[in-house]
């Protein structure tokens, strides 16, 4: 028991219910912070970029992101789903088949992700000089 009468479990539950979620910015109300909170994961913007061309299965995403571990890709996909940016469809088959599709909200990030790609390409060209 802690000094204020709370058990360790009570403090953990309290922390979970008051924790800020991705894309939420109570202190600064900065819209850029909100956007980065949603797509700022290591592979999120890349996943969104690839899904702009249509529905992909997990294995296809793995091949498109060879440097991402299966675990990291799974975590990023779960966060994107929880944030309403993509839809996950599981088919009752053996072996299981899972497909990912962007929601309308996810598609709306297309211009941002595309602009990031164009900026990155220009930056690489300038850095090679």
C-alpha atoms as a PDB file:
ATOM      1  CA  UNK A   1       0.000   0.000   0.000  1.00  0.00           C
ATOM      2  CA  UNK A   2       1.222   3.481  -0.857  1.00  0.00           C
ATOM      3  CA  UNK A   3       1.301   6.507   1.392  1.00  0.00           C
ATOM      4  CA  UNK A   4      -2.122   7.726   0.207  1.00  0.00           C
ATOM      5  CA  UNK A   5      -3.864   4.370   0.717  1.00  0.00           C
ATOM      6  CA  UNK A   6      -3.673   3.242  -2.917  1.00  0.00           C
ATOM      7  CA  UNK A   7      -2.385  -0.180  -3.833  1.00  0.00           C
ATOM      8  CA  UNK A   8       0.090  -0.618  -6.656  1.00  0.00           C
ATOM      9  CA  UNK A   9      -2.728  -1.965  -8.852  1.00  0.00           C
ATOM     10  CA  UNK A  10      -4.963   1.060  -8.119  1.00  0.00           C
ATOM     11  CA  UNK A  11      -2.162   3.447  -9.140  1.00  0.00           C
ATOM     12  CA  UNK A  12      -1.566   1.460 -12.356  1.00  0.00           C
ATOM     13  CA  UNK A  13      -5.267   1.574 -13.302  1.00  0.00           C
ATOM     14  CA  UNK A  14      -5.402   5.285 -12.507  1.00  0.00           C
ATOM     15  CA  UNK A  15      -2.362   5.921 -14.731  1.00  0.00           C
ATOM     16  CA  UNK A  16      -3.877   3.960 -17.621  1.00  0.00           C
ATOM     17  CA  UNK A  17      -7.177   5.833 -17.534  1.00  0.00           C
ATOM     18  CA  UNK A  18      -5.589   9.287 -17.466  1.00  0.00           C
ATOM     19  CA  UNK A  19      -2.761   8.633 -19.924  1.00  0.00           C
ATOM     20  CA  UNK A  20      -2.717  10.807 -23.025  1.00  0.00           C
ATOM     21  CA  UNK A  21      -3.462   8.945 -26.260  1.00  0.00           C
ATOM     22  CA  UNK A  22      -1.669   9.337 -29.566  1.00  0.00           C
ATOM     23  CA  UNK A  23      -2.613  12.514 -31.360  1.00  0.00           C
ATOM     24  CA  UNK A  24      -3.953  14.180 -28.212  1.00  0.00           C
ATOM     25  CA  UNK A  25      -2.322  17.422 -27.123  1.00  0.00           C
ATOM     26  CA  UNK A  26      -3.996  19.017 -24.104  1.00  0.00           C
ATOM     27  CA  UNK A  27      -1.145  21.332 -23.162  1.00  0.00           C
ATOM     28  CA  UNK A  28      -0.121  22.931 -26.437  1.00  0.00           C
ATOM     29  CA  UNK A  29      -3.158  22.348 -28.665  1.00  0.00           C
ATOM     30  CA  UNK A  30      -0.679  22.036 -31.511  1.00  0.00           C
ATOM     31  CA  UNK A  31      -2.179  20.462 -34.613  1.00  0.00           C
ATOM     32  CA  UNK A  32       1.232  19.356 -35.871  1.00  0.00           C
ATOM     33  CA  UNK A  33       1.822  17.515 -32.611  1.00  0.00           C
ATOM     34  CA  UNK A  34      -1.543  15.790 -33.054  1.00  0.00           C
ATOM     35  CA  UNK A  35      -0.655  14.682 -36.592  1.00  0.00           C
ATOM     36  CA  UNK A  36       2.819  13.472 -35.633  1.00  0.00           C
ATOM     37  CA  UNK A  37       1.263  11.640 -32.690  1.00  0.00           C
ATOM     38  CA  UNK A  38      -0.830   9.627 -35.127  1.00  0.00           C
ATOM     39  CA  UNK A  39       1.704   8.914 -37.880  1.00  0.00           C
ATOM     40  CA  UNK A  40       4.992   9.409 -36.034  1.00  0.00           C
ATOM     41  CA  UNK A  41       5.772   5.744 -35.388  1.00  0.00           C
ATOM     42  CA  UNK A  42       8.832   4.265 -37.076  1.00  0.00           C
ATOM     43  CA  UNK A  43       6.834   2.560 -39.853  1.00  0.00           C
ATOM     44  CA  UNK A  44       3.403   4.202 -39.752  1.00  0.00           C
ATOM     45  CA  UNK A  45       3.858   6.736 -42.552  1.00  0.00           C
ATOM     46  CA  UNK A  46       5.437   4.060 -44.754  1.00  0.00           C
ATOM     47  CA  UNK A  47       2.543   1.669 -44.085  1.00  0.00           C
ATOM     48  CA  UNK A  48       0.047   4.415 -44.945  1.00  0.00           C
ATOM     49  CA  UNK A  49       1.982   5.193 -48.140  1.00  0.00           C
ATOM     50  CA  UNK A  50       1.844   1.561 -49.277  1.00  0.00           C
ATOM     51  CA  UNK A  51      -1.833   1.178 -48.372  1.00  0.00           C
ATOM     52  CA  UNK A  52      -2.709   4.234 -50.488  1.00  0.00           C
ATOM     53  CA  UNK A  53      -2.479   1.903 -53.506  1.00  0.00           C
ATOM     54  CA  UNK A  54      -5.071  -0.478 -52.021  1.00  0.00           C
ATOM     55  CA  UNK A  55      -5.643  -3.375 -49.654  1.00  0.00           C
ATOM     56  CA  UNK A  56      -2.605  -5.419 -48.625  1.00  0.00           C
ATOM     57  CA  UNK A  57      -2.131  -8.594 -46.635  1.00  0.00           C
ATOM     58  CA  UNK A  58       0.256  -8.761 -43.683  1.00  0.00           C
ATOM     59  CA  UNK A  59       2.824 -10.796 -45.656  1.00  0.00           C
ATOM     60  CA  UNK A  60       2.800  -8.252 -48.482  1.00  0.00           C
ATOM     61  CA  UNK A  61       3.463  -5.434 -46.017  1.00  0.00           C
ATOM     62  CA  UNK A  62       6.314  -7.473 -44.504  1.00  0.00           C
ATOM     63  CA  UNK A  63       7.925  -7.821 -47.938  1.00  0.00           C
ATOM     64  CA  UNK A  64       7.521  -4.089 -48.611  1.00  0.00           C
ATOM     65  CA  UNK A  65       9.152  -3.272 -45.234  1.00  0.00           C
ATOM     66  CA  UNK A  66      12.059  -5.745 -44.979  1.00  0.00           C
ATOM     67  CA  UNK A  67      13.762  -3.795 -42.175  1.00  0.00           C
ATOM     68  CA  UNK A  68      10.675  -3.892 -39.932  1.00  0.00           C
ATOM     69  CA  UNK A  69      10.379  -6.874 -37.614  1.00  0.00           C
ATOM     70  CA  UNK A  70       7.067  -8.729 -37.622  1.00  0.00           C
ATOM     71  CA  UNK A  71       6.470  -7.647 -34.038  1.00  0.00           C
ATOM     72  CA  UNK A  72       7.128  -3.959 -34.730  1.00  0.00           C
ATOM     73  CA  UNK A  73       4.950  -4.012 -37.850  1.00  0.00           C
ATOM     74  CA  UNK A  74       2.151  -5.684 -35.877  1.00  0.00           C
ATOM     75  CA  UNK A  75       2.371  -3.030 -33.150  1.00  0.00           C
ATOM     76  CA  UNK A  76       2.308  -0.179 -35.661  1.00  0.00           C
ATOM     77  CA  UNK A  77      -0.666  -1.736 -37.495  1.00  0.00           C
ATOM     78  CA  UNK A  78      -2.566  -2.144 -34.215  1.00  0.00           C
ATOM     79  CA  UNK A  79      -1.964   1.507 -33.316  1.00  0.00           C
ATOM     80  CA  UNK A  80      -3.104   2.674 -36.752  1.00  0.00           C
ATOM     81  CA  UNK A  81      -6.234   0.536 -36.377  1.00  0.00           C
ATOM     82  CA  UNK A  82      -6.912   1.823 -32.850  1.00  0.00           C
ATOM     83  CA  UNK A  83      -6.575   5.399 -34.136  1.00  0.00           C
ATOM     84  CA  UNK A  84      -9.107   4.711 -36.893  1.00  0.00           C
ATOM     85  CA  UNK A  85      -6.657   5.126 -39.771  1.00  0.00           C
ATOM     86  CA  UNK A  86      -6.883   1.596 -41.119  1.00  0.00           C
ATOM     87  CA  UNK A  87      -9.278  -1.332 -41.076  1.00  0.00           C
ATOM     88  CA  UNK A  88      -8.169  -4.894 -40.347  1.00  0.00           C
ATOM     89  CA  UNK A  89     -10.170  -7.753 -41.825  1.00  0.00           C
ATOM     90  CA  UNK A  90      -9.535 -11.307 -40.609  1.00  0.00           C
ATOM     91  CA  UNK A  91     -10.715 -14.226 -42.726  1.00  0.00           C
ATOM     92  CA  UNK A  92     -11.613 -17.497 -41.007  1.00  0.00           C
ATOM     93  CA  UNK A  93      -9.239 -19.640 -43.049  1.00  0.00           C
ATOM     94  CA  UNK A  94      -6.336 -21.947 -42.386  1.00  0.00           C
ATOM     95  CA  UNK A  95      -3.771 -20.464 -42.490  1.00  0.00           C
ATOM     96  CA  UNK A  96      -5.410 -17.241 -41.282  1.00  0.00           C
ATOM     97  CA  UNK A  97      -5.566 -14.394 -43.773  1.00  0.00           C
ATOM     98  CA  UNK A  98      -5.534 -10.766 -42.617  1.00  0.00           C
ATOM     99  CA  UNK A  99      -6.002  -7.780 -44.900  1.00  0.00           C
ATOM    100  CA  UNK A 100      -5.416  -4.101 -44.161  1.00  0.00           C
ATOM    101  CA  UNK A 101      -7.204  -1.205 -45.841  1.00  0.00           C
ATOM    102  CA  UNK A 102      -7.057   2.519 -45.117  1.00  0.00           C
ATOM    103  CA  UNK A 103     -10.190   4.156 -43.751  1.00  0.00           C
ATOM    104  CA  UNK A 104     -11.359   7.501 -45.148  1.00  0.00           C
ATOM    105  CA  UNK A 105      -9.411   9.148 -42.330  1.00  0.00           C
ATOM    106  CA  UNK A 106      -6.299   7.198 -43.366  1.00  0.00           C
ATOM    107  CA  UNK A 107      -6.759   8.097 -47.036  1.00  0.00           C
ATOM    108  CA  UNK A 108      -6.964  11.760 -46.026  1.00  0.00           C
ATOM    109  CA  UNK A 109      -3.318  11.480 -44.890  1.00  0.00           C
ATOM    110  CA  UNK A 110      -2.275  10.636 -48.471  1.00  0.00           C
ATOM    111  CA  UNK A 111      -1.178  14.159 -49.464  1.00  0.00           C
ATOM    112  CA  UNK A 112       0.840  14.517 -46.248  1.00  0.00           C
ATOM    113  CA  UNK A 113       2.643  11.190 -46.677  1.00  0.00           C
ATOM    114  CA  UNK A 114       3.239  11.849 -50.379  1.00  0.00           C
ATOM    115  CA  UNK A 115       4.678  15.287 -49.565  1.00  0.00           C
ATOM    116  CA  UNK A 116       6.957  13.693 -46.966  1.00  0.00           C
ATOM    117  CA  UNK A 117       8.228  11.296 -49.641  1.00  0.00           C
ATOM    118  CA  UNK A 118       8.895  14.106 -52.112  1.00  0.00           C
ATOM    119  CA  UNK A 119      10.719  16.133 -49.454  1.00  0.00           C
ATOM    120  CA  UNK A 120      12.824  13.090 -48.510  1.00  0.00           C
ATOM    121  CA  UNK A 121      13.795  12.464 -52.127  1.00  0.00           C
ATOM    122  CA  UNK A 122      14.853  16.114 -52.593  1.00  0.00           C
ATOM    123  CA  UNK A 123      16.773  16.051 -49.318  1.00  0.00           C
ATOM    124  CA  UNK A 124      18.696  12.928 -50.344  1.00  0.00           C
ATOM    125  CA  UNK A 125      19.641  14.590 -53.646  1.00  0.00           C
ATOM    126  CA  UNK A 126      20.915  17.696 -51.847  1.00  0.00           C
ATOM    127  CA  UNK A 127      22.820  15.622 -49.268  1.00  0.00           C
ATOM    128  CA  UNK A 128      24.671  13.673 -52.003  1.00  0.00           C
ATOM    129  CA  UNK A 129      26.224  16.840 -53.456  1.00  0.00           C
END
